[in-house]
Protein backbone atom coordinates (compact mmCIF):
# COMPACT_ATOMS: atom_id res chain seq x y z
CA MET A 1 10.08 4.52 23.98
CA ARG A 2 7.53 2.18 22.58
CA LYS A 3 5.89 5.26 21.23
CA LEU A 4 8.52 6.82 20.19
CA LEU A 5 9.50 3.47 18.31
CA ILE A 6 5.86 3.91 16.66
CA LEU A 7 6.11 7.18 15.53
CA ALA A 8 9.21 5.79 13.49
CA PHE A 9 7.51 3.10 11.77
CA ILE A 10 4.35 5.46 11.00
CA GLY A 11 6.90 7.97 10.06
CA LEU A 12 8.65 5.03 7.34
CA ALA A 13 5.05 3.75 6.08
CA ALA A 14 3.86 7.28 5.74
CA GLN A 15 7.38 8.46 3.55
CA LEU A 16 6.97 4.85 1.83
CA ILE A 17 2.88 5.72 0.25
CA ASP A 18 3.65 8.88 -0.08
CA GLY A 19 7.04 8.57 -1.57
CA SER A 20 5.85 6.06 -4.36
CA LEU A 21 2.77 7.52 -4.69
CA GLY A 22 2.76 11.03 -4.75
CA MET A 23 0.38 11.84 -1.50
CA GLY A 24 0.04 10.18 2.24
CA PHE A 25 2.50 12.09 4.83
CA GLY A 26 0.87 14.62 5.92
CA ILE A 27 -2.09 12.99 6.55
CA THR A 28 -1.32 9.62 7.96
CA SER A 29 0.96 11.16 10.62
CA THR A 30 -1.29 14.45 11.81
CA SER A 31 -4.00 11.96 12.13
CA LEU A 32 -1.82 9.70 14.30
CA LEU A 33 -0.79 12.71 16.49
CA LEU A 34 -4.72 13.66 16.76
CA LEU A 35 -4.99 10.36 18.08
CA LEU A 36 -2.29 11.23 20.64
CA GLY A 37 -3.76 14.10 21.83
CA SER A 38 -1.75 16.82 19.77
CA ALA A 39 -3.97 20.03 18.96
CA PRO A 40 -4.30 20.72 14.82
CA ALA A 41 -2.27 23.14 14.84
CA ALA A 42 0.66 21.99 16.39
CA ALA A 43 -0.10 18.58 14.47
CA SER A 44 -0.11 19.96 11.49
CA ALA A 45 3.63 22.49 12.98
CA SER A 46 4.87 19.31 13.75
CA VAL A 47 4.52 17.16 10.66
CA HIS A 48 5.42 19.79 8.62
CA LEU A 49 8.65 20.53 10.40
CA ALA A 50 9.26 16.50 10.01
CA GLU A 51 8.55 16.77 6.31
CA VAL A 52 11.58 19.21 5.77
CA VAL A 53 13.78 16.93 6.03
CA THR A 54 11.79 13.89 4.68
CA ASN A 55 10.47 15.42 1.89
CA ALA A 56 14.38 16.74 1.33
CA ALA A 57 15.38 13.36 1.08
CA SER A 58 12.49 12.16 -0.56
CA GLY A 59 13.58 15.10 -3.29
CA ILE A 60 17.15 14.07 -3.67
CA SER A 61 16.22 10.57 -4.13
CA HIS A 62 13.68 11.40 -6.68
CA ILE A 63 16.01 13.42 -9.02
CA ARG A 64 18.51 10.15 -8.42
CA PHE A 65 16.03 8.07 -10.27
CA GLY A 66 15.27 10.58 -13.00
CA ASN A 67 11.74 10.78 -11.73
CA VAL A 68 11.28 14.55 -11.70
CA ASN A 69 10.20 17.15 -14.25
CA LYS A 70 12.26 20.33 -13.13
CA GLN A 71 9.97 22.81 -15.26
CA THR A 72 6.83 21.77 -13.48
CA VAL A 73 8.76 21.51 -9.52
CA PHE A 74 9.92 24.97 -10.43
CA ARG A 75 6.35 25.88 -11.25
CA LEU A 76 4.90 24.83 -8.64
CA ILE A 77 7.35 25.95 -5.56
CA LEU A 78 6.71 29.35 -5.70
CA PRO A 79 2.94 29.65 -5.56
CA GLY A 80 3.01 26.49 -3.19
CA SER A 81 5.13 28.47 -0.57
CA ILE A 82 3.28 31.08 -0.82
CA GLY A 83 -0.20 29.04 -0.23
CA ALA A 84 1.54 26.51 2.68
CA PHE A 85 2.80 29.89 4.22
CA ALA A 86 -0.67 31.97 4.16
CA GLY A 87 -2.54 28.61 5.20
CA ALA A 88 -0.34 28.02 8.50
CA CYS A 89 -0.31 31.93 9.95
CA PHE A 90 -4.76 31.21 9.26
CA LEU A 91 -5.09 27.81 10.55
CA SER A 92 -6.28 28.62 13.90
CA SER A 93 -9.16 31.10 12.62
CA LEU A 94 -10.18 28.75 9.48
CA PRO A 95 -13.36 26.55 9.07
CA GLY A 96 -11.14 24.24 7.99
CA ASP A 97 -13.81 21.62 8.86
CA VAL A 98 -16.39 23.23 7.21
CA ILE A 99 -14.41 23.77 3.66
CA LYS A 100 -12.81 19.97 3.51
CA PRO A 101 -15.85 17.71 3.18
CA TYR A 102 -16.28 19.79 -0.26
CA ILE A 103 -12.93 19.46 -1.27
CA SER A 104 -12.83 15.60 -0.93
CA GLY A 105 -15.75 15.59 -2.54
CA PHE A 106 -14.09 16.77 -5.09
CA LEU A 107 -11.27 14.80 -5.13
CA LEU A 108 -13.34 11.85 -4.29
CA LEU A 109 -14.31 12.47 -7.78
CA LEU A 110 -10.92 12.54 -9.25
CA GLY A 111 -9.92 9.62 -7.41
CA PHE A 112 -12.59 7.45 -9.30
CA TYR A 113 -11.64 9.66 -13.26
CA VAL A 114 -7.95 8.61 -12.87
CA ILE A 115 -8.40 4.88 -12.20
CA PHE A 116 -10.97 4.73 -14.99
CA ARG A 117 -8.31 6.69 -17.32
CA PHE A 118 -5.71 4.26 -16.30
CA ALA A 119 -7.69 0.89 -16.47
CA PHE A 120 -9.78 1.75 -19.32
CA ILE A 121 -8.40 4.01 -21.49
CA LYS A 122 -5.18 4.22 -23.91
CA GLN A 123 -2.13 5.53 -22.15
CA LYS A 124 -0.20 8.19 -24.43
CA LYS A 125 3.54 6.65 -25.33
CA HIS A 126 4.89 10.65 -25.64
CA TYR A 127 4.68 13.15 -23.38
CA ALA A 128 4.76 16.65 -22.96
CA LYS A 129 8.44 17.38 -22.54
CA LYS A 130 7.91 20.85 -21.09
CA GLY A 131 5.63 20.00 -18.11
CA PHE A 132 2.82 21.86 -17.42
CA SER A 133 1.96 25.66 -18.37
CA LYS A 134 2.48 28.29 -15.50
CA LYS A 135 -1.29 29.11 -16.20
CA GLN A 136 -2.38 25.37 -14.60
CA LEU A 137 0.34 25.00 -11.86
CA ILE A 138 0.21 28.39 -10.50
CA PRO A 139 -3.81 28.80 -8.94
CA LEU A 140 -2.86 24.39 -8.30
CA GLY A 141 -0.08 25.52 -6.34
CA LEU A 142 -1.65 28.14 -4.55
CA VAL A 143 -4.53 26.10 -3.50
CA ALA A 144 -2.98 22.63 -2.82
CA GLY A 145 -0.45 24.76 -0.61
CA PHE A 146 -3.08 26.32 1.30
CA MET A 147 -5.18 23.39 2.04
CA ASP A 148 -1.93 21.77 2.87
CA ALA A 149 -1.06 24.33 5.81
CA THR A 150 -5.03 24.16 6.84
CA GLY A 151 -5.39 20.60 7.22
CA GLY A 152 -1.90 18.64 7.80
CA GLY A 153 -1.93 17.72 4.71
CA GLY A 154 -3.06 18.12 1.19
CA TRP A 155 -0.15 18.89 -1.04
CA GLY A 156 0.12 15.22 -2.40
CA PRO A 157 -3.80 14.57 -2.79
CA VAL A 158 -4.70 17.79 -4.71
CA THR A 159 -1.75 18.24 -6.68
CA THR A 160 -1.03 14.51 -7.85
CA PRO A 161 -4.99 13.75 -9.23
CA VAL A 162 -5.12 16.88 -10.66
CA LEU A 163 -1.57 16.66 -12.93
CA LEU A 164 -2.70 13.01 -13.46
CA ALA A 165 -5.89 13.62 -15.12
CA LYS A 166 -4.17 16.02 -17.37
CA ASN A 167 -2.27 13.23 -18.75
CA ASP A 168 0.48 15.18 -19.84
CA ASP A 169 3.47 13.54 -18.35
CA GLU A 170 4.69 10.39 -17.40
CA PRO A 171 3.14 9.32 -13.68
CA ARG A 172 6.30 8.16 -12.32
CA LYS A 173 7.06 12.04 -13.25
CA ILE A 174 4.08 13.74 -12.06
CA VAL A 175 4.87 11.98 -8.07
CA GLY A 176 8.62 12.37 -8.24
CA SER A 177 7.67 15.93 -9.41
CA VAL A 178 4.70 16.53 -6.27
CA ASP A 179 7.00 14.66 -4.07
CA THR A 180 10.15 16.93 -4.80
CA SER A 181 8.53 20.68 -4.70
CA GLU A 182 6.81 19.81 -0.85
CA PHE A 183 10.26 20.65 0.47
CA ALA A 184 9.50 24.31 0.07
CA VAL A 185 5.86 24.02 0.97
CA SER A 186 6.90 22.46 3.73
CA LEU A 187 9.24 24.92 4.48
CA SER A 188 7.28 27.88 4.26
CA ALA A 189 4.15 26.00 6.15
CA THR A 190 6.93 25.85 9.09
CA LEU A 191 7.81 29.12 9.34
CA GLY A 192 4.47 30.21 8.84
CA PHE A 193 3.50 28.03 12.22
CA LEU A 194 6.49 29.54 13.89
CA VAL A 195 5.42 33.07 13.27
CA SER A 196 1.86 32.18 15.02
CA LEU A 197 2.72 29.47 17.39
CA GLY A 198 6.11 29.50 18.30
CA TRP A 199 8.68 27.05 19.15
CA LYS A 200 6.56 25.50 21.79
CA GLU A 201 4.15 24.70 20.72
CA VAL A 202 6.21 21.66 18.59
CA SER A 203 6.46 17.91 19.99
CA TRP A 204 10.55 17.82 19.05
CA THR A 205 10.65 14.45 20.28
CA TRP A 206 7.90 13.13 17.85
CA VAL A 207 9.49 15.09 15.30
CA LEU A 208 12.48 13.76 15.47
CA ALA A 209 10.72 9.95 15.73
CA ILE A 210 8.67 10.68 12.80
CA MET A 211 11.62 12.37 10.76
CA ALA A 212 13.84 8.91 11.50
CA GLY A 213 11.23 6.75 9.86
CA GLY A 214 10.26 9.13 6.74
CA MET A 215 14.55 9.08 6.07
CA LEU A 216 14.79 5.63 6.14
CA ALA A 217 11.55 4.94 3.46
CA ALA A 218 12.18 7.85 1.06
CA PRO A 219 15.28 6.07 -1.64
CA ILE A 220 12.74 2.71 -1.15
CA ALA A 221 10.11 4.36 -2.35
CA ALA A 222 11.43 6.92 -4.61
CA TRP A 223 13.17 3.24 -6.48
CA LEU A 224 9.83 1.85 -6.33
CA VAL A 225 8.27 4.87 -8.33
CA LYS A 226 11.40 4.16 -11.43
CA LYS A 227 10.50 0.42 -11.83
CA MET A 228 6.56 0.64 -10.88
CA PRO A 229 4.55 0.19 -14.38
CA ALA A 230 2.63 3.47 -15.03
CA HIS A 231 -0.95 2.16 -15.22
CA ILE A 232 -0.32 0.16 -11.55
CA LEU A 233 0.82 3.22 -10.06
CA GLY A 234 -2.03 5.57 -11.16
CA ILE A 235 -4.58 3.00 -10.19
CA LEU A 236 -2.87 2.40 -7.10
CA VAL A 237 -2.32 6.40 -6.74
CA GLY A 238 -6.17 7.00 -7.68
CA GLY A 239 -7.30 3.82 -4.87
CA ILE A 240 -5.56 6.15 -2.04
CA ILE A 241 -7.24 9.22 -3.86
CA ILE A 242 -10.65 7.61 -3.17
CA LEU A 243 -9.91 6.09 0.23
CA THR A 244 -8.32 8.93 2.20
CA ASN A 245 -11.14 11.34 0.83
CA LEU A 246 -14.04 9.07 1.45
CA ARG A 247 -12.80 8.34 5.45
CA THR A 248 -13.75 12.03 5.28
CA LEU A 249 -17.05 11.95 3.65
CA LEU A 250 -18.46 9.14 5.47
CA ASN A 251 -17.29 10.42 8.89
CA THR A 252 -18.78 14.00 8.39
CA GLY A 253 -21.95 14.95 10.60
CA GLY A 254 -22.09 11.77 11.95
CA LEU A 255 -25.04 10.71 9.27
CA PHE A 256 -23.96 6.80 8.56
CA THR A 257 -24.15 3.85 10.53
CA GLU A 258 -20.42 1.54 10.94
CA ALA A 259 -22.49 -1.25 8.77
CA PHE A 260 -22.57 0.87 5.99
CA ILE A 261 -19.29 2.74 5.93
CA TYR A 262 -17.62 -1.50 6.14
CA LEU A 263 -19.94 -1.74 3.87
CA THR A 264 -18.85 0.39 1.16
CA TYR A 265 -14.97 0.00 2.08
CA ALA A 266 -15.72 -3.69 0.72
CA VAL A 267 -17.16 -2.18 -2.49
CA ILE A 268 -14.14 0.19 -2.96
CA PHE A 269 -12.01 -2.54 -2.19
CA VAL A 270 -13.48 -4.32 -5.08
CA LEU A 271 -13.61 -2.15 -7.79
CA TRP A 272 -10.10 -1.12 -6.51
CA GLY A 273 -8.71 -4.83 -7.06
CA THR A 274 -11.02 -5.38 -9.94
CA ALA A 275 -9.39 -2.03 -12.02
CA LEU A 276 -5.99 -3.66 -10.54
CA PHE A 277 -6.70 -7.01 -12.56
CA VAL A 278 -8.24 -5.52 -16.17
CA SER A 279 -5.46 -2.97 -16.26
CA ALA A 280 -2.98 -5.84 -15.70
CA ARG A 281 -4.36 -8.20 -18.05
CA LYS A 282 -5.01 -5.90 -20.59
CA ASN A 283 -0.89 -4.64 -20.71
CA LYS A 284 -0.32 -8.26 -20.84
CA ASN A 285 -2.42 -8.84 -24.02
CA SER A 286 -1.31 -5.38 -25.48
CA SER A 287 2.72 -6.64 -24.87
CA ARG A 288 2.03 -10.25 -26.51
CA SER A 289 0.31 -8.34 -29.82
CA ILE A 290 3.52 -6.52 -29.72
CA ILE A 291 5.59 -9.36 -29.87
């Protein structure tokens, strides 16, 4: 019973992060299941099955709060679903551990860029109403869907920072659109896992516990996205990207000591806090000058 309550709390916390920042549910939940002894494919299958329901709740909440660009969602769904299904079917034979550090390195740099842009570069006042083009979203959806299924989480960490870096839509609508489109991606990944693994590999007790916590957090996260200032939302997303991918890089190959890892995290938190302070102060001064 205690383990189920912990899983429900993790589901709640993971969805609160994922729904408000556009990433985090899969990575957080999969890491926990692996820690509890689940096999990688079974952990990813269980998380994606839970995400089908939590993402549906999250998508409905984002739509109700006006956080969604429907054009972006429709253009992400098909390639994302194809990539997720393919990734799920071939998870057991793919060198995910070999590829993951390179993807993490790219996303780490992208995270620094996102923070720099939202902290120091003047933001657009008006964004493209039609969102992103098919040429931008089709390859992105395929790669992100594939990474999501093979890594147990990757749709948000790959898609959200890339779209934020383009600066062609409001941050809240990017987060809401990515989160809403993830329903189809999770469903396709789940179907792929069921085809390749079968129902027996899924831990239904764990799925239901994570699902319950995630559903409670979905509307709260969508409300936070609507109310949070764009510059704060962007910097928070950038920080989560950096911390998530830095962890992958520092733990690759056992090259770094614990002291070095903790020092690196301390430096990142200081830089992250500085960026939030600079951005908040700059936007406060801008508001005063307008008045």
